[in-house]
Each structure stands twice: as C-alpha cells, then as structure tokens.
C-alpha cells in the first residue's frame, strides 16, 4: 500500500520539539525561506521551560534564570525588548556542614565555599580555553573519565569544606554526584572565565521579565506548530525523511531536527539507528534526576539562602516572592524519588532540615524525571559523555540533526545552550542545497 502525504504534512524541515532549540531553528529557517513544521508532543510550547500559574502567581516550573554571560539568550531578549527581574538578595544564610546547622551572613557561606571550589576549578580555562569550543584542548581526554567526587577527595579539605562543596555541586547537577563528570563542572565554570561565583550568580539570580513564556512566545511567532503530536519514528531514505506519529499521521521532509532531551530519545525509533556512542548515552541517561519545588510558607520571611546536606531530599532553598503576608520559596533536591511534592508532611520535614520555623502551606512542582517527554531535569553529564558521545550527537546523521541543551557546545543545561544549538542546526541546513 502506498502512503499519500498531504501537502500540509510536507515541509523542507520537520522539527521535533517546540522548546527553545526547536523554535529558534524554526524561526531562522523560515526567515531563510525554508518551509518548516514543528511537531510537539505536549499541549504547550517551551519544553523544559514552562511558566505556569501556581500558588496564585506565575511560576517557572522548569528553566528559569539567565545572565549576560550567556550571549545567545541575552541577544534574544534584546531582540524582543525583554528585560530581567532580580531574585531577592539574601540577608541570611543557613547551611549544614560537619554534622550541624550553621547560620550567618550569606557572604560567609560564599567565602566558605570559595577556597576549596577555586582549587577544584582552577584548571577550568586550561582544559576549556575556548569554552564554546569544548574540544579545543585534546587534553580533556585525560580527565573526562574522572568523576567529580574523586577530584573533591583529592583536595584533602576538612569535612566542613567537603560537606559544603559536595552539596553545592549536587545542587548544580540536580542529582547525586557519584556519577557526575568533573569535565561538566569545569565546562560550566570556564564559561564565566573560571570564576565560580559569577557562574553561581548566572544560575540563580536574574529571571526573564514576563517569564520564560514571554521569550519563547516571541520566538515562536509565525511558526507552524502542531501540538499534541507525539513522534514515534524517524526514517531516512534517498528522497528525504519520514516522521511518524503516535496518532498515525505521516510527515515528510528534506531534513529533520530532533530536539528531544537525552532522557526522551528512547521513545523514538531511528532508521538508520543512532551511532553506538549515542545509544549508550541514551541508555546511561543524565545525572540529573532531581526535583524543583515552589513552596508557599506562612508569614513574610526575611530573604535567605539555605544549603543542606548533599543527600537530603531538599538540599537548597531561597526566598523568591512575598505574597500577601506569605512567602514563596524555590527549593531543589537531588532525587525526585526521595520526595513526594504532593505530600505536605514530607515537604515540611524536608524544609525543616534546611530552615527553622517555616510553616509549609502549599507546594507546586513538576516531576521532569517521570515526564516521558523529558526523562530528566537540566542535562548534566556522566564521565565520558563529553569525549565519547557529544561530538556524535552534534554531527549530522545524514538528514537528521540533533539540537537542544543536551547537545550544546557552551551553556549545556541552560536556555542559552538550547538557543545556541538551535541556531547551529538551522545554519547546518541552510548551508545544504535543498534536495
């Protein structure tokens, strides 16, 4: 039986996923005169960014913070006239180290992290002299197999410093650091010229005015987006690419850009198959398997930051919003399986470890790890991923091109990396003749 493809289901480029990577690529290709269809499994655009109304106000359920050291997202915000909103500056800090809770000035906590973290990150620019070209120094092959805990142990710091450092990196990886790649930590810090404090500022200080939804909506304008369309298969042949969906629809194109995260790629059948190194990376998954929770608490709390033990259900929290005599906190934990965010008793117990006298009223969260369209939070790599898998993900496989924050050269795990990767994918196709 010969399949018939309607004109509405054919385009020069089929893009799988309507997150920042996919919609940036779509805009660039449309502006270059290519026809584009974007297929999105969810009922919304944005991917792992999602501005949703929860706890009585718009909240970012996924990616949130941006920074001027992130050139791609910063340029996009300028393009659309979108500014930033700063998170509250903490006045108090709580942290757990050497078996007990400490309280003091936030500067004291930063200074206590600083000495050991600077030693840990001192070679970031040596190994990544051009941070947006991660393979520039071939010496990375000598260290890419090293897990982060091994490098922390080699510092031979006090238990106090070790506790703080391990929790700090469990926060950054949004997962247990046992299988965290040392090179991933170095890459992040190299992007802020080797200064971990600037990197930390980039991670949790400035939000997009109007939310991530304002920026992704601006980028999406004019693009043909098919929501509620789950892709199950991508098959290449001499004449093009066939994309099949769960609903039985068939789309044909000259090229396909797949922006699914590593954690969701197993849901698609690729013919020909992805390279062996890519399939191994999909099977191994990302380190990130944590939780992000917005917590509404009683009273107007003085702005604070809290860092707990690396293995607590929640190991970080900070104040974000005052709301009619109540306070909304944002909190993170390394393993979503260890905390049921719908159970206020569990959340209260987890928050009690971090912060004294904060009464939980309500919680909002999304389990990105259990979400079949993500399977992870922000991408954080295992040892070996950089040198064994990333280059193959970035290399076009015939008419198939991968894009997204999981495959970025620079700010992998950030909106910036997704936009960068989307631009790269569009440029790759623009350089090819239409076939």
Protein backbone atom coordinates (compact mmCIF):
# COMPACT_ATOMS: atom_id res chain seq x y z
CA UNK A 1 0.00 0.00 0.00
CA UNK A 2 1.41 3.38 -1.00
CA UNK A 3 1.08 6.14 1.59
CA UNK A 4 -0.15 9.52 0.49
CA UNK A 5 1.32 12.57 2.16
CA UNK A 6 -0.89 15.65 2.07
CA UNK A 7 0.80 18.97 1.24
CA UNK A 8 0.06 20.19 4.77
CA UNK A 9 2.22 17.36 6.16
CA UNK A 10 5.25 18.09 3.96
CA UNK A 11 7.93 20.69 4.60
CA UNK A 12 11.57 21.33 3.85
CA UNK A 13 12.34 20.74 7.53
CA UNK A 14 10.43 18.78 10.17
CA UNK A 15 11.38 19.80 13.72
CA UNK A 16 10.61 17.55 16.66
CA UNK A 17 10.06 19.56 19.83
CA UNK A 18 8.83 23.13 20.41
CA UNK A 19 11.33 24.18 23.05
CA UNK A 20 13.90 26.94 22.69
CA UNK A 21 16.13 24.90 20.37
CA UNK A 22 13.36 23.81 18.04
CA UNK A 23 11.62 27.17 17.80
CA UNK A 24 14.87 29.09 17.34
CA UNK A 25 15.82 26.76 14.49
CA UNK A 26 12.33 27.12 13.01
CA UNK A 27 12.47 30.91 13.03
CA UNK A 28 15.90 31.00 11.40
CA UNK A 29 14.90 28.54 8.69
CA UNK A 30 11.63 30.31 7.95
CA UNK A 31 13.46 33.61 7.62
CA UNK A 32 15.85 31.90 5.19
CA UNK A 33 12.90 30.84 3.04
CA UNK A 34 12.55 27.20 4.13
CA UNK A 35 9.17 25.70 4.94
CA UNK A 36 9.04 24.28 8.48
CA UNK A 37 6.65 22.17 10.55
CA UNK A 38 7.24 21.79 14.30
CA UNK A 39 5.79 18.70 15.99
CA UNK A 40 5.30 18.99 19.74
CA UNK A 41 4.05 16.16 21.98
CA UNK A 42 2.87 18.46 24.75
CA UNK A 43 -0.15 20.75 24.68
CA UNK A 44 2.12 23.78 25.01
CA UNK A 45 5.42 25.14 23.72
CA UNK A 46 8.57 25.61 25.84
CA UNK A 47 9.84 22.10 26.53
CA UNK A 48 11.58 22.08 29.90
CA UNK A 49 10.74 25.73 30.39
CA UNK A 50 7.17 26.30 31.49
CA UNK A 51 5.67 29.44 33.01
CA UNK A 52 2.52 28.21 34.74
CA UNK A 53 0.13 29.82 37.21
CA UNK A 54 0.58 28.03 40.53
CA UNK A 55 0.23 29.11 44.18
CA UNK A 56 -1.62 32.21 42.98
CA UNK A 57 1.05 33.60 40.63
CA UNK A 58 3.08 32.77 37.50
CA UNK A 59 5.93 30.41 38.41
CA UNK A 60 8.70 28.79 36.39
CA UNK A 61 8.25 25.05 36.66
CA UNK A 62 11.44 24.38 34.72
CA UNK A 63 14.31 26.54 33.43
CA UNK A 64 14.33 29.99 34.97
CA UNK A 65 17.48 32.09 35.30
CA UNK A 66 19.55 33.89 32.66
CA UNK A 67 22.68 36.05 32.67
CA UNK A 68 24.64 38.45 30.47
CA UNK A 69 27.47 35.93 30.28
CA UNK A 70 25.06 33.85 28.20
CA UNK A 71 25.30 35.52 24.79
CA UNK A 72 22.59 33.68 22.89
CA UNK A 73 19.70 34.15 25.30
CA UNK A 74 20.84 37.69 26.08
CA UNK A 75 20.75 38.58 22.38
CA UNK A 76 17.27 37.09 22.03
CA UNK A 77 15.99 39.11 24.97
CA UNK A 78 17.41 42.27 23.42
CA UNK A 79 15.87 41.35 20.06
CA UNK A 80 12.40 41.26 21.60
CA UNK A 81 12.86 44.06 24.15
CA UNK A 82 12.59 41.77 27.19
CA UNK A 83 14.46 42.64 30.39
CA UNK A 84 15.28 40.84 33.62
CA UNK A 85 13.90 40.68 37.15
CA UNK A 86 16.29 40.02 40.02
CA UNK A 87 15.61 37.42 42.67
CA UNK A 88 15.72 38.78 46.24
CA UNK A 89 19.20 39.36 47.64
CA UNK A 90 19.61 37.02 50.64
CA UNK A 91 20.14 38.66 54.04
CA UNK A 92 20.63 35.44 55.99
CA UNK A 93 22.23 32.09 55.19
CA UNK A 94 21.70 28.64 56.70
CA UNK A 95 23.98 25.73 55.88
CA UNK A 96 24.74 22.23 57.10
CA UNK A 97 28.32 21.08 57.48
CA UNK A 98 30.41 18.92 59.80
CA UNK A 99 27.30 17.49 61.44
CA UNK A 100 25.44 20.64 62.40
CA UNK A 101 23.45 23.62 61.13
CA UNK A 102 25.16 27.00 60.78
CA UNK A 103 23.63 30.43 60.43
CA UNK A 104 25.32 33.62 59.30
CA UNK A 105 25.84 36.18 56.61
CA UNK A 106 25.48 34.93 53.00
CA UNK A 107 28.95 36.26 52.31
CA UNK A 108 30.32 33.92 54.96
CA UNK A 109 28.77 30.92 53.21
CA UNK A 110 30.18 32.02 49.85
CA UNK A 111 33.61 32.57 51.38
CA UNK A 112 33.50 29.14 53.00
CA UNK A 113 32.79 27.58 49.61
CA UNK A 114 35.31 29.77 47.82
CA UNK A 115 38.74 28.44 48.79
CA UNK A 116 38.07 24.78 48.06
CA UNK A 117 35.94 25.47 44.99
CA UNK A 118 38.60 27.70 43.45
CA UNK A 119 41.12 24.90 43.88
CA UNK A 120 38.68 22.43 42.36
CA UNK A 121 38.02 24.69 39.36
CA UNK A 122 41.48 26.21 38.91
CA UNK A 123 42.12 24.34 35.64
CA UNK A 124 38.78 25.16 34.02
CA UNK A 125 40.30 27.54 31.46
CA UNK A 126 43.28 25.27 30.91
CA UNK A 127 41.07 22.42 29.78
CA UNK A 128 38.47 24.69 28.16
CA UNK A 129 40.44 27.69 26.80
CA UNK A 130 37.59 28.39 24.35
CA UNK A 131 34.50 27.49 26.38
CA UNK A 132 32.19 27.44 23.35
CA UNK A 133 34.56 25.02 21.61
CA UNK A 134 34.70 22.20 24.19
CA UNK A 135 37.03 20.00 22.13
CA UNK A 136 39.67 22.70 21.55
CA UNK A 137 42.12 21.15 24.03
CA UNK A 138 42.79 17.44 23.36
CA UNK A 139 43.91 17.09 27.00
CA UNK A 140 40.26 16.70 28.00
CA UNK A 141 40.53 13.02 27.06
CA UNK A 142 42.88 12.62 30.03
CA UNK A 143 40.28 13.77 32.57
CA UNK A 144 36.86 13.05 31.05
CA UNK A 145 36.59 9.69 32.79
CA UNK A 146 37.11 11.31 36.21
CA UNK A 147 34.05 11.52 38.48
CA UNK A 148 33.63 14.77 40.39
CA UNK A 149 33.78 13.15 43.90
CA UNK A 150 37.25 11.78 43.12
CA UNK A 151 38.51 15.28 42.36
CA UNK A 152 36.89 16.65 45.51
CA UNK A 153 38.57 13.92 47.58
CA UNK A 154 41.94 14.82 46.08
CA UNK A 155 41.65 18.32 47.55
CA UNK A 156 42.05 16.83 51.05
CA UNK A 157 39.96 19.58 52.61
CA UNK A 158 38.26 19.47 56.02
CA UNK A 159 34.97 17.61 56.48
CA UNK A 160 33.32 21.01 56.91
CA UNK A 161 34.52 22.20 53.49
CA UNK A 162 33.84 18.84 51.86
CA UNK A 163 30.23 18.81 53.07
CA UNK A 164 29.57 22.26 51.65
CA UNK A 165 31.34 21.56 48.37
CA UNK A 166 29.54 18.27 47.74
CA UNK A 167 26.15 19.84 48.41
CA UNK A 168 26.96 22.81 46.18
CA UNK A 169 27.72 20.51 43.26
CA UNK A 170 24.75 18.23 43.98
CA UNK A 171 22.67 21.38 43.58
CA UNK A 172 24.34 22.25 40.26
CA UNK A 173 23.99 18.72 38.90
CA UNK A 174 20.46 18.41 40.34
CA UNK A 175 21.35 14.85 41.23
CA UNK A 176 23.71 12.68 43.28
CA UNK A 177 27.29 13.49 42.27
CA UNK A 178 28.62 9.90 42.47
CA UNK A 179 28.39 9.67 38.66
CA UNK A 180 28.91 13.36 37.87
CA UNK A 181 31.59 14.27 35.33
CA UNK A 182 34.39 16.52 36.53
CA UNK A 183 34.59 17.91 32.99
CA UNK A 184 30.96 19.06 33.16
CA UNK A 185 31.74 21.16 36.23
CA UNK A 186 34.84 22.59 34.55
CA UNK A 187 32.87 23.46 31.40
CA UNK A 188 30.31 25.42 33.37
CA UNK A 189 32.86 27.49 35.25
CA UNK A 190 35.02 28.07 32.17
CA UNK A 191 32.02 29.85 30.63
CA UNK A 192 32.32 32.57 33.29
CA UNK A 193 36.08 32.92 32.77
CA UNK A 194 36.91 30.46 35.53
CA UNK A 195 35.02 32.37 38.24
CA UNK A 196 32.64 30.01 40.05
CA UNK A 197 30.93 32.88 41.90
CA UNK A 198 29.88 34.53 38.64
CA UNK A 199 28.72 31.13 37.44
CA UNK A 200 26.60 30.70 40.56
CA UNK A 201 25.13 34.16 40.02
CA UNK A 202 24.21 33.09 36.49
CA UNK A 203 22.37 30.06 37.87
CA UNK A 204 20.03 31.66 40.39
CA UNK A 205 19.81 35.46 40.26
CA UNK A 206 18.20 37.03 37.17
CA UNK A 207 14.89 35.89 35.69
CA UNK A 208 13.27 36.80 32.38
CA UNK A 209 10.79 39.66 32.62
CA UNK A 210 7.37 38.20 31.97
CA UNK A 211 8.75 34.69 32.42
CA UNK A 212 10.31 32.24 30.00
CA UNK A 213 6.91 32.06 28.34
CA UNK A 214 7.26 35.67 27.15
CA UNK A 215 10.50 34.90 25.33
CA UNK A 216 9.50 31.54 23.84
CA UNK A 217 6.20 33.01 22.59
CA UNK A 218 8.08 35.82 20.85
CA UNK A 219 10.44 33.37 19.15
CA UNK A 220 7.53 31.10 18.13
CA UNK A 221 5.51 33.81 16.34
CA UNK A 222 4.61 32.80 12.80
CA UNK A 223 5.78 29.18 13.08
CA UNK A 224 3.56 26.23 12.12
CA UNK A 225 3.43 24.26 15.40
CA UNK A 226 1.42 21.05 15.72
CA UNK A 227 0.73 20.46 19.42
CA UNK A 228 -0.31 17.13 20.97
CA UNK A 229 1.71 15.33 18.28
CA UNK A 230 3.98 12.62 19.65
CA UNK A 231 6.67 11.36 17.29
CA UNK A 232 7.44 7.63 17.38
CA UNK A 233 9.69 7.12 14.36
CA UNK A 234 12.13 8.88 12.04
CA UNK A 235 13.19 7.05 8.89
CA UNK A 236 15.60 8.35 6.28
CA UNK A 237 15.77 7.30 2.63
CA UNK A 238 17.35 8.64 -0.55
CA UNK A 239 14.50 11.06 -1.13
CA UNK A 240 14.07 12.53 2.34
CA UNK A 241 12.83 11.79 5.84
CA UNK A 242 9.59 10.24 7.05
CA UNK A 243 8.35 11.16 10.53
CA UNK A 244 5.60 9.00 12.01
CA UNK A 245 3.43 9.98 14.96
CA UNK A 246 1.52 8.11 17.65
CA UNK A 247 -1.75 9.19 16.05
CA UNK A 248 -0.77 7.53 12.77
CA UNK A 249 -0.01 10.71 10.83
CA UNK A 250 2.97 10.80 8.49
CA UNK A 251 5.11 13.84 7.73
CA UNK A 252 7.75 14.09 5.01
CA UNK A 253 10.65 16.50 4.80
CA UNK A 254 14.09 17.00 3.34
CA UNK A 255 15.63 17.24 6.79
CA UNK A 256 14.59 16.63 10.37
CA UNK A 257 15.84 18.37 13.51
CA UNK A 258 15.27 16.37 16.69
CA UNK A 259 15.41 18.41 19.89
CA UNK A 260 14.33 15.75 22.36
CA UNK A 261 16.42 15.52 25.54
CA UNK A 262 18.67 12.53 26.11
CA UNK A 263 16.14 11.19 28.61
CA UNK A 264 13.36 11.06 25.99
CA UNK A 265 15.23 9.80 22.92
CA UNK A 266 14.46 6.15 23.66
CA UNK A 267 10.85 6.88 22.72
CA UNK A 268 11.76 7.35 19.05
CA UNK A 269 12.82 4.67 16.58
CA UNK A 270 15.53 5.99 14.26
CA UNK A 271 16.27 4.33 10.90
CA UNK A 272 19.19 4.19 10.43
CA UNK A 273 19.95 3.85 14.13
CA UNK A 274 21.86 6.48 16.04
CA UNK A 275 25.62 5.82 16.46
CA UNK A 276 26.60 3.31 19.15
CA UNK A 277 28.05 6.03 21.40
CA UNK A 278 24.78 7.96 21.22
CA UNK A 279 22.74 4.85 22.03
CA UNK A 280 24.98 4.17 25.03
CA UNK A 281 24.48 7.74 26.27
CA UNK A 282 20.72 7.35 25.95
CA UNK A 283 20.83 4.09 27.90
CA UNK A 284 23.02 5.62 30.63
CA UNK A 285 20.95 8.81 30.91
CA UNK A 286 21.87 12.07 32.56
CA UNK A 287 22.98 12.54 36.17
CA UNK A 288 20.16 14.99 36.76
CA UNK A 289 17.18 13.29 38.37
CA UNK A 290 16.25 15.83 40.99
CA UNK A 291 13.33 17.98 41.95
CA UNK A 292 12.43 21.65 41.84
CA UNK A 293 9.66 22.75 44.19
CA UNK A 294 7.94 26.04 44.83
CA UNK A 295 6.89 26.17 48.48
CA UNK A 296 4.40 28.64 49.94
CA UNK A 297 5.06 29.28 53.63
CA UNK A 298 3.37 31.26 56.38
CA UNK A 299 4.48 34.84 57.04
CA UNK A 300 6.81 37.30 55.34
CA UNK A 301 10.27 35.80 55.75
CA UNK A 302 13.49 37.74 55.65
CA UNK A 303 15.27 36.84 52.37
CA UNK A 304 17.55 33.86 52.92
CA UNK A 305 19.55 31.17 51.16
CA UNK A 306 19.91 27.66 52.59
CA UNK A 307 22.29 24.85 51.64
CA UNK A 308 21.79 21.46 53.27
CA UNK A 309 23.49 18.10 53.07
CA UNK A 310 24.10 16.70 49.58
CA UNK A 311 21.88 13.66 50.28
CA UNK A 312 18.86 15.42 51.83
CA UNK A 313 15.51 15.33 49.98
CA UNK A 314 15.91 19.11 49.57
CA UNK A 315 19.43 20.50 49.74
CA UNK A 316 18.80 24.10 48.65
CA UNK A 317 16.16 26.78 49.15
CA UNK A 318 15.90 30.53 48.73
CA UNK A 319 13.16 33.14 49.01
CA UNK A 320 11.62 34.37 45.76
CA UNK A 321 8.30 36.16 46.30
CA UNK A 322 6.32 37.98 49.00
CA UNK A 323 2.62 37.35 48.60
CA UNK A 324 0.01 38.88 50.91
CA UNK A 325 1.67 38.03 54.19
CA UNK A 326 3.13 34.78 52.90
CA UNK A 327 6.41 33.87 51.21
CA UNK A 328 7.12 31.67 48.21
CA UNK A 329 10.41 29.78 48.24
CA UNK A 330 12.12 27.87 45.46
CA UNK A 331 13.86 24.67 46.52
CA UNK A 332 15.85 21.88 44.88
CA UNK A 333 16.70 18.31 45.81
CA UNK A 334 18.98 15.72 44.16
CA UNK A 335 16.50 12.85 43.70
CA UNK A 336 12.82 13.25 42.87
CA UNK A 337 12.17 9.69 44.06
CA UNK A 338 13.01 10.74 47.62
CA UNK A 339 10.37 13.44 47.97
CA UNK A 340 6.68 13.38 47.11
CA UNK A 341 5.97 17.05 46.45
CA UNK A 342 2.23 16.43 46.78
CA UNK A 343 2.69 15.34 50.40
CA UNK A 344 2.90 18.49 52.54
CA UNK A 345 4.10 16.46 55.53
CA UNK A 346 7.10 15.20 53.58
CA UNK A 347 7.87 18.66 52.24
CA UNK A 348 7.60 20.16 55.72
CA UNK A 349 10.05 17.60 57.10
CA UNK A 350 12.48 18.28 54.25
CA UNK A 351 12.24 22.05 54.71
CA UNK A 352 12.68 21.76 58.49
CA UNK A 353 16.17 20.40 57.90
CA UNK A 354 17.08 23.47 55.86
CA UNK A 355 15.30 26.37 57.52
CA UNK A 356 13.98 26.86 61.07
CA UNK A 357 10.36 27.83 61.71
CA UNK A 358 8.99 27.86 58.14
CA UNK A 359 5.42 26.53 58.04
CA UNK A 360 4.53 24.93 54.71
CA UNK A 361 1.11 25.89 53.32
CA UNK A 362 1.25 24.59 49.77
CA UNK A 363 3.68 23.24 47.15
CA UNK A 364 3.91 23.32 43.35
CA UNK A 365 6.23 21.09 41.36
CA UNK A 366 6.55 19.08 38.16
CA UNK A 367 8.34 15.73 38.04
CA UNK A 368 10.53 16.18 34.96
CA UNK A 369 12.22 12.84 35.50
CA UNK A 370 8.89 10.98 35.32
CA UNK A 371 7.77 13.10 32.37
CA UNK A 372 8.21 10.82 29.32
CA UNK A 373 8.94 13.84 27.13
CA UNK A 374 11.96 14.86 29.22
CA UNK A 375 13.12 11.99 31.46
CA UNK A 376 15.50 14.40 33.21
CA UNK A 377 15.74 17.92 34.57
CA UNK A 378 18.52 20.08 33.11
CA UNK A 379 21.17 17.95 31.35
CA UNK A 380 24.25 17.16 33.46
CA UNK A 381 26.67 14.64 32.05
CA UNK A 382 28.33 11.47 33.29
CA UNK A 383 32.07 10.79 32.96
CA UNK A 384 32.98 10.04 29.37
CA UNK A 385 29.96 11.71 27.74
CA UNK A 386 31.94 14.70 26.50
CA UNK A 387 34.60 12.77 24.60
CA UNK A 388 32.63 9.62 23.75
CA UNK A 389 29.17 10.94 22.81
CA UNK A 390 28.77 14.70 22.45
CA UNK A 391 30.64 15.04 19.15
CA UNK A 392 28.49 12.32 17.54
CA UNK A 393 25.30 13.97 18.74
CA UNK A 394 26.47 17.22 17.19
CA UNK A 395 27.43 15.60 13.88
CA UNK A 396 24.61 15.37 11.31
CA UNK A 397 23.50 11.79 10.73
CA UNK A 398 22.51 12.07 7.10
CA UNK A 399 19.38 14.20 7.05
CA UNK A 400 18.98 14.03 10.84
CA UNK A 401 20.36 16.81 13.04
CA UNK A 402 20.19 16.85 16.83
CA UNK A 403 19.71 20.10 18.75
CA UNK A 404 18.98 21.13 22.32
CA UNK A 405 20.60 21.99 25.62
CA UNK A 406 21.79 18.36 25.98
CA UNK A 407 23.98 18.77 22.88
CA UNK A 408 25.19 22.37 23.16
CA UNK A 409 28.80 23.47 22.88
CA UNK A 410 28.53 26.16 25.51
CA UNK A 411 25.90 26.51 28.24
CA UNK A 412 24.69 22.92 28.23
CA UNK A 413 21.75 22.64 30.60
CA UNK A 414 20.62 26.25 30.10
CA UNK A 415 18.23 28.15 27.84
CA UNK A 416 21.31 29.71 26.29
CA UNK A 417 22.64 26.32 25.22
CA UNK A 418 19.30 25.37 23.67
CA UNK A 419 19.21 28.57 21.61
CA UNK A 420 22.85 28.14 20.54
CA UNK A 421 22.18 24.58 19.44
CA UNK A 422 19.06 25.59 17.53
CA UNK A 423 20.99 28.26 15.66
CA UNK A 424 23.71 25.74 14.79
CA UNK A 425 21.16 23.25 13.47
CA UNK A 426 19.49 25.87 11.28
CA UNK A 427 22.83 27.03 9.93
CA UNK A 428 23.82 23.46 9.06
CA UNK A 429 20.67 23.05 6.96
CA UNK A 430 20.97 26.50 5.36
CA UNK A 431 24.43 25.52 4.09
CA UNK A 432 22.98 22.49 2.33
CA UNK A 433 21.25 22.55 -1.02
CA UNK A 434 17.53 21.86 -0.94
CA UNK A 435 17.11 18.27 -2.08
